[in-house]
Amino acid sequence: MLGQAQQRPENATARYRYGPLALLVAALLAIFVFRAALAGSRTMPSTFHLFDALTVAGALLILLKGRGHLRRGDWIIALGLGSVVGVGMLFATLFSPYPFWGLVRSSGGQALIRGGFTAVAALGGLVIMRRGGPVPFPLANADWPSAWRAIFSGLLVGLPLAVLNVFALQLTQGDPVTWQNPLAALLDALQPAVVEEIIYRFALWGLLWLVLHSSLPDQAVWLAGLLAMLAHNFAHFDDLFLSAPLTALGMGAVMALLWGVPPLILARRRGLEAALAFHWIQDVARFLAGF
């Protein structure tokens, strides 16, 4: 009887510790599974758009509850990032995003949504960072030396993988390199780099960390980062999940290992700027080569 009495509290403690993690994993899987199941019979928003909207909604709630944590410079940085994305979208020539939820197709509409989402996600991420969140942002603390070191680290790690990515795209798509305008590649690469890193590497990672840090304080940072990274990586394979799900899982695993883990570690160790720089150089090379 005593052994059973001791076992029950231990089981309850385990459920409390791992329950939030299990719920997060189940929720993320449910988004992929239900989206794929419904996409076979009706028009569905992309997985990216689902995660974008959910993450920005979460960031907005955090912002409304915790805006007192923000400094004046945080607002300037977040609104500045949103403005860069919005204005850049108006002039983008090499970057062409999918219509948002299948509805918003114009560059003006895309500029408003992408710029607004970036600003809100950045503000939510900054609130979480000010509360001890997992991803540092040296620029937000006016730590320019650390910010420049982070950017350099991201470019250094990212450049060889950017070249590898171009070769991989050649093999998988069967298209030759067609060189594009270098300035357009440099500017348009800011679109996916800034938007995706702010939403997934900063806001979503932070939101998942908030859910996990009470029950798993020692593991929450990396578990939350891993879940955010996997959501971001596998969201690239909507069509492939419908036609060849096992291939999608395999390609997603390779992509996560080569292009997901490095920015995850860079963001945690060096700062968000490192992940931004890593992502940016991938898309510069891709756009420059015509992919």
Protein backbone atom coordinates (compact mmCIF):
# COMPACT_ATOMS: atom_id res chain seq x y z
CA MET A 1 0.00 0.00 0.00
CA LEU A 2 2.79 2.39 0.89
CA GLY A 3 4.53 1.69 -2.43
CA GLN A 4 1.31 2.43 -4.30
CA ALA A 5 0.80 5.63 -2.34
CA GLN A 6 4.30 6.79 -3.22
CA GLN A 7 3.86 5.84 -6.87
CA ARG A 8 0.73 7.95 -7.32
CA PRO A 9 2.42 11.29 -6.43
CA GLU A 10 5.32 10.38 -8.69
CA ASN A 11 2.94 9.67 -11.56
CA ALA A 12 1.09 12.90 -10.89
CA THR A 13 4.36 14.82 -10.90
CA ALA A 14 5.38 13.24 -14.21
CA ARG A 15 2.02 14.15 -15.75
CA TYR A 16 2.41 17.72 -14.54
CA ARG A 17 5.95 17.98 -15.88
CA TYR A 18 5.37 16.44 -19.29
CA GLY A 19 1.69 17.22 -19.78
CA PRO A 20 2.24 20.69 -21.33
CA LEU A 21 4.90 19.28 -23.66
CA ALA A 22 2.60 16.46 -24.76
CA LEU A 23 -0.23 18.94 -25.40
CA LEU A 24 2.04 21.16 -27.50
CA VAL A 25 3.29 18.24 -29.58
CA ALA A 26 -0.29 17.04 -30.09
CA ALA A 27 -1.46 20.53 -31.09
CA LEU A 28 1.33 21.01 -33.61
CA LEU A 29 0.75 17.57 -35.13
CA ALA A 30 -2.99 18.25 -35.28
CA ILE A 31 -2.41 21.39 -37.35
CA PHE A 32 -0.38 19.45 -39.91
CA VAL A 33 -2.70 16.42 -40.00
CA PHE A 34 -6.01 18.27 -40.18
CA ARG A 35 -4.71 20.75 -42.73
CA ALA A 36 -3.47 17.92 -44.94
CA ALA A 37 -6.71 15.96 -44.50
CA LEU A 38 -8.92 18.91 -45.41
CA ALA A 39 -6.69 20.09 -48.25
CA GLY A 40 -7.56 16.98 -50.22
CA SER A 41 -11.19 18.08 -50.56
CA ARG A 42 -11.19 21.86 -50.26
CA THR A 43 -9.03 24.93 -50.60
CA MET A 44 -7.06 25.48 -47.42
CA PRO A 45 -4.62 28.15 -46.28
CA SER A 46 -1.03 27.03 -46.27
CA THR A 47 0.47 25.60 -43.10
CA PHE A 48 2.73 28.65 -43.00
CA HIS A 49 -0.27 30.97 -42.95
CA LEU A 50 -1.93 28.95 -40.19
CA PHE A 51 1.17 29.09 -38.01
CA ASP A 52 1.75 32.75 -38.88
CA ALA A 53 -1.75 33.73 -37.78
CA LEU A 54 -1.69 31.64 -34.61
CA THR A 55 1.75 32.91 -33.61
CA VAL A 56 0.88 36.55 -34.23
CA ALA A 57 -2.37 36.13 -32.28
CA GLY A 58 -0.37 34.73 -29.37
CA ALA A 59 2.18 37.52 -29.65
CA LEU A 60 -0.63 40.08 -29.60
CA LEU A 61 -2.04 38.62 -26.38
CA ILE A 62 1.39 38.70 -24.78
CA LEU A 63 1.85 42.29 -25.96
CA LEU A 64 -1.48 43.42 -24.53
CA LYS A 65 -0.75 41.79 -21.17
CA GLY A 66 2.93 42.64 -20.91
CA ARG A 67 3.50 45.88 -22.82
CA GLY A 68 4.73 47.47 -19.61
CA HIS A 69 7.91 45.39 -19.98
CA LEU A 70 8.81 47.12 -23.22
CA ARG A 71 11.22 50.00 -23.57
CA ARG A 72 10.84 52.87 -26.02
CA GLY A 73 13.60 51.40 -28.18
CA ASP A 74 11.69 48.13 -28.44
CA TRP A 75 8.78 49.89 -30.11
CA ILE A 76 11.14 51.65 -32.50
CA ILE A 77 12.87 48.42 -33.49
CA ALA A 78 9.65 46.44 -33.95
CA LEU A 79 7.90 49.15 -35.95
CA GLY A 80 11.08 49.70 -37.94
CA LEU A 81 11.29 46.01 -38.86
CA GLY A 82 7.64 46.01 -39.85
CA SER A 83 8.18 49.10 -42.01
CA VAL A 84 11.22 47.58 -43.72
CA VAL A 85 9.21 44.47 -44.57
CA GLY A 86 6.14 46.41 -45.69
CA VAL A 87 7.97 48.89 -47.89
CA GLY A 88 10.27 46.20 -49.27
CA MET A 89 7.29 44.08 -50.27
CA LEU A 90 5.98 46.93 -52.44
CA PHE A 91 9.16 46.86 -54.53
CA ALA A 92 9.96 43.13 -54.46
CA THR A 93 10.65 41.59 -57.87
CA LEU A 94 12.22 38.21 -57.06
CA PHE A 95 10.19 37.31 -53.96
CA SER A 96 6.56 36.37 -54.57
CA PRO A 97 4.68 35.04 -51.52
CA TYR A 98 1.63 32.83 -51.76
CA PRO A 99 -1.69 34.74 -51.51
CA PHE A 100 -2.39 35.14 -47.81
CA TRP A 101 -5.08 32.60 -46.89
CA GLY A 102 -5.76 32.43 -50.62
CA LEU A 103 -7.35 35.87 -50.50
CA VAL A 104 -4.76 38.66 -50.39
CA ARG A 105 -2.81 38.74 -53.64
CA SER A 106 -1.83 42.37 -54.24
CA SER A 107 1.58 43.62 -53.24
CA GLY A 108 -0.06 46.36 -51.19
CA GLY A 109 -2.17 43.90 -49.23
CA GLN A 110 0.80 41.61 -48.73
CA ALA A 111 2.87 44.58 -47.56
CA LEU A 112 0.29 45.50 -44.91
CA ILE A 113 -0.10 41.94 -43.63
CA ARG A 114 3.57 41.02 -43.67
CA GLY A 115 4.67 44.32 -42.17
CA GLY A 116 1.96 44.24 -39.50
CA PHE A 117 2.62 40.61 -38.60
CA THR A 118 6.35 41.33 -38.30
CA ALA A 119 5.82 44.30 -36.00
CA VAL A 120 3.36 42.50 -33.71
CA ALA A 121 5.45 39.32 -33.57
CA ALA A 122 8.57 41.38 -32.79
CA LEU A 123 6.79 43.23 -29.98
CA GLY A 124 5.46 39.99 -28.50
CA GLY A 125 8.90 38.43 -28.77
CA LEU A 126 10.47 41.44 -27.08
CA VAL A 127 8.02 41.22 -24.18
CA ILE A 128 9.00 37.57 -23.73
CA MET A 129 12.70 38.44 -24.01
CA ARG A 130 12.31 41.09 -21.30
CA ARG A 131 10.75 38.39 -19.12
CA GLY A 132 13.78 36.15 -19.50
CA GLY A 133 12.87 34.47 -22.79
CA PRO A 134 15.09 32.10 -24.73
CA VAL A 135 16.27 34.29 -27.64
CA PRO A 136 18.50 37.33 -27.01
CA PHE A 137 18.28 40.35 -29.30
CA PRO A 138 21.44 42.42 -28.74
CA LEU A 139 20.24 45.27 -30.94
CA ALA A 140 17.24 45.77 -28.65
CA ASN A 141 19.69 46.37 -25.79
CA ALA A 142 21.78 48.74 -27.92
CA ASP A 143 24.62 46.22 -27.74
CA TRP A 144 26.05 47.00 -31.15
CA PRO A 145 29.28 44.97 -30.80
CA SER A 146 27.31 41.82 -29.96
CA ALA A 147 24.82 42.52 -32.74
CA TRP A 148 27.60 42.84 -35.34
CA ARG A 149 29.32 39.70 -34.04
CA ALA A 150 26.02 37.86 -34.30
CA ILE A 151 25.50 39.01 -37.89
CA PHE A 152 29.04 37.97 -38.82
CA SER A 153 28.54 34.56 -37.18
CA GLY A 154 25.31 34.00 -39.09
CA LEU A 155 26.91 34.89 -42.41
CA LEU A 156 29.99 32.77 -41.72
CA VAL A 157 27.96 29.68 -40.86
CA GLY A 158 25.33 30.34 -43.50
CA LEU A 159 27.42 31.02 -46.61
CA PRO A 160 28.62 27.44 -47.31
CA LEU A 161 25.12 26.10 -46.66
CA ALA A 162 23.70 28.75 -49.00
CA VAL A 163 25.94 27.45 -51.79
CA LEU A 164 24.90 23.88 -50.95
CA ASN A 165 21.25 24.96 -51.07
CA VAL A 166 21.64 26.30 -54.61
CA PHE A 167 23.15 22.99 -55.77
CA ALA A 168 20.36 21.09 -54.00
CA LEU A 169 17.72 23.23 -55.73
CA GLN A 170 19.35 22.57 -59.08
CA LEU A 171 19.18 18.82 -58.48
CA THR A 172 15.65 18.69 -57.07
CA GLN A 173 14.05 21.16 -59.50
CA GLY A 174 16.07 20.27 -62.57
CA ASP A 175 16.49 23.90 -63.57
CA PRO A 176 19.76 25.63 -64.48
CA VAL A 177 21.12 28.70 -62.71
CA THR A 178 19.76 31.90 -64.25
CA TRP A 179 21.53 34.86 -62.68
CA GLN A 180 19.31 37.65 -61.37
CA ASN A 181 19.84 41.27 -60.37
CA PRO A 182 22.19 41.20 -57.33
CA LEU A 183 20.62 44.27 -55.68
CA ALA A 184 17.15 42.77 -56.02
CA ALA A 185 18.42 39.51 -54.49
CA LEU A 186 19.99 41.37 -51.57
CA LEU A 187 16.84 43.36 -50.83
CA ASP A 188 14.20 40.73 -51.54
CA ALA A 189 16.00 38.21 -49.31
CA LEU A 190 15.04 40.39 -46.35
CA GLN A 191 11.40 39.39 -46.85
CA PRO A 192 11.55 35.71 -45.87
CA ALA A 193 14.52 36.22 -43.53
CA VAL A 194 13.03 38.95 -41.38
CA VAL A 195 9.42 37.76 -41.38
CA GLU A 196 10.10 34.09 -40.73
CA GLU A 197 12.85 34.58 -38.16
CA ILE A 198 10.81 37.13 -36.21
CA ILE A 199 7.67 34.99 -36.25
CA TYR A 200 9.18 31.54 -35.74
CA ARG A 201 12.62 32.00 -34.16
CA PHE A 202 11.63 34.88 -31.89
CA ALA A 203 7.88 34.91 -31.21
CA LEU A 204 6.89 31.25 -31.59
CA TRP A 205 9.96 29.97 -29.74
CA GLY A 206 9.20 32.43 -26.97
CA LEU A 207 5.53 31.49 -26.79
CA LEU A 208 6.32 27.78 -26.59
CA TRP A 209 8.91 28.51 -23.92
CA LEU A 210 6.29 30.33 -21.85
CA VAL A 211 4.15 27.19 -21.90
CA LEU A 212 7.01 24.88 -20.91
CA HIS A 213 9.27 26.82 -18.57
CA SER A 214 7.24 26.21 -15.41
CA SER A 215 6.92 22.45 -15.83
CA LEU A 216 10.31 21.80 -17.48
CA PRO A 217 12.54 24.68 -16.41
CA ASP A 218 15.81 22.98 -17.33
CA GLN A 219 14.71 21.70 -20.74
CA ALA A 220 12.18 24.34 -21.82
CA VAL A 221 14.55 26.51 -23.86
CA TRP A 222 15.75 23.81 -26.23
CA LEU A 223 12.49 21.85 -26.35
CA ALA A 224 10.58 24.99 -27.29
CA GLY A 225 13.22 25.90 -29.85
CA LEU A 226 13.14 22.43 -31.35
CA LEU A 227 9.34 22.47 -31.68
CA ALA A 228 9.37 25.93 -33.28
CA MET A 229 12.11 24.85 -35.68
CA LEU A 230 10.26 21.67 -36.70
CA ALA A 231 7.02 23.57 -37.26
CA HIS A 232 8.84 26.07 -39.47
CA ASN A 233 10.74 23.43 -41.44
CA PHE A 234 7.90 21.02 -42.15
CA ALA A 235 5.57 23.88 -43.11
CA HIS A 236 7.59 24.09 -46.35
CA PHE A 237 6.16 20.76 -47.60
CA ASP A 238 2.39 21.23 -47.90
CA ASP A 239 2.05 19.81 -51.40
CA LEU A 240 4.53 17.01 -50.82
CA PHE A 241 2.69 15.88 -47.68
CA LEU A 242 -0.38 15.31 -49.84
CA SER A 243 1.35 13.39 -52.65
CA ALA A 244 4.25 11.66 -50.87
CA PRO A 245 4.11 12.06 -47.07
CA LEU A 246 7.10 9.81 -46.36
CA THR A 247 9.22 11.78 -48.80
CA ALA A 248 8.07 14.99 -47.11
CA LEU A 249 9.11 13.62 -43.73
CA GLY A 250 12.52 12.62 -45.06
CA MET A 251 13.18 15.91 -46.83
CA GLY A 252 11.93 17.82 -43.80
CA ALA A 253 14.33 15.92 -41.55
CA VAL A 254 17.28 16.72 -43.83
CA MET A 255 16.24 20.35 -44.08
CA ALA A 256 15.88 20.56 -40.31
CA LEU A 257 19.35 19.12 -39.76
CA LEU A 258 21.16 21.32 -42.29
CA TRP A 259 19.11 24.53 -42.33
CA GLY A 260 17.10 24.36 -39.11
CA VAL A 261 19.54 23.38 -36.37
CA PRO A 262 22.25 25.97 -37.25
CA PRO A 263 20.00 29.06 -36.92
CA LEU A 264 18.43 27.52 -33.81
CA ILE A 265 21.83 27.35 -32.11
CA LEU A 266 22.92 30.70 -33.52
CA ALA A 267 19.80 32.44 -32.21
CA ARG A 268 20.27 31.03 -28.73
CA ARG A 269 24.04 31.45 -28.48
CA ARG A 270 24.64 34.63 -30.49
CA GLY A 271 21.27 36.34 -30.76
CA LEU A 272 18.38 36.79 -33.16
CA GLU A 273 20.59 38.78 -35.55
CA ALA A 274 22.69 35.67 -36.19
CA ALA A 275 19.65 33.64 -37.25
CA LEU A 276 18.46 36.53 -39.42
CA ALA A 277 21.83 36.76 -41.15
CA PHE A 278 21.96 32.99 -41.67
CA HIS A 279 18.49 32.96 -43.22
CA TRP A 280 19.14 36.06 -45.30
CA ILE A 281 22.26 34.67 -46.98
CA GLN A 282 20.36 31.49 -47.91
CA ASP A 283 17.77 33.51 -49.79
CA VAL A 284 20.29 35.90 -51.31
CA ALA A 285 22.03 32.95 -52.94
CA ARG A 286 18.73 31.36 -53.95
CA PHE A 287 17.30 34.51 -55.53
CA LEU A 288 20.59 35.42 -57.18
CA ALA A 289 20.71 31.99 -58.84
CA GLY A 290 17.13 32.25 -60.04
CA PHE A 291 15.38 29.87 -57.64
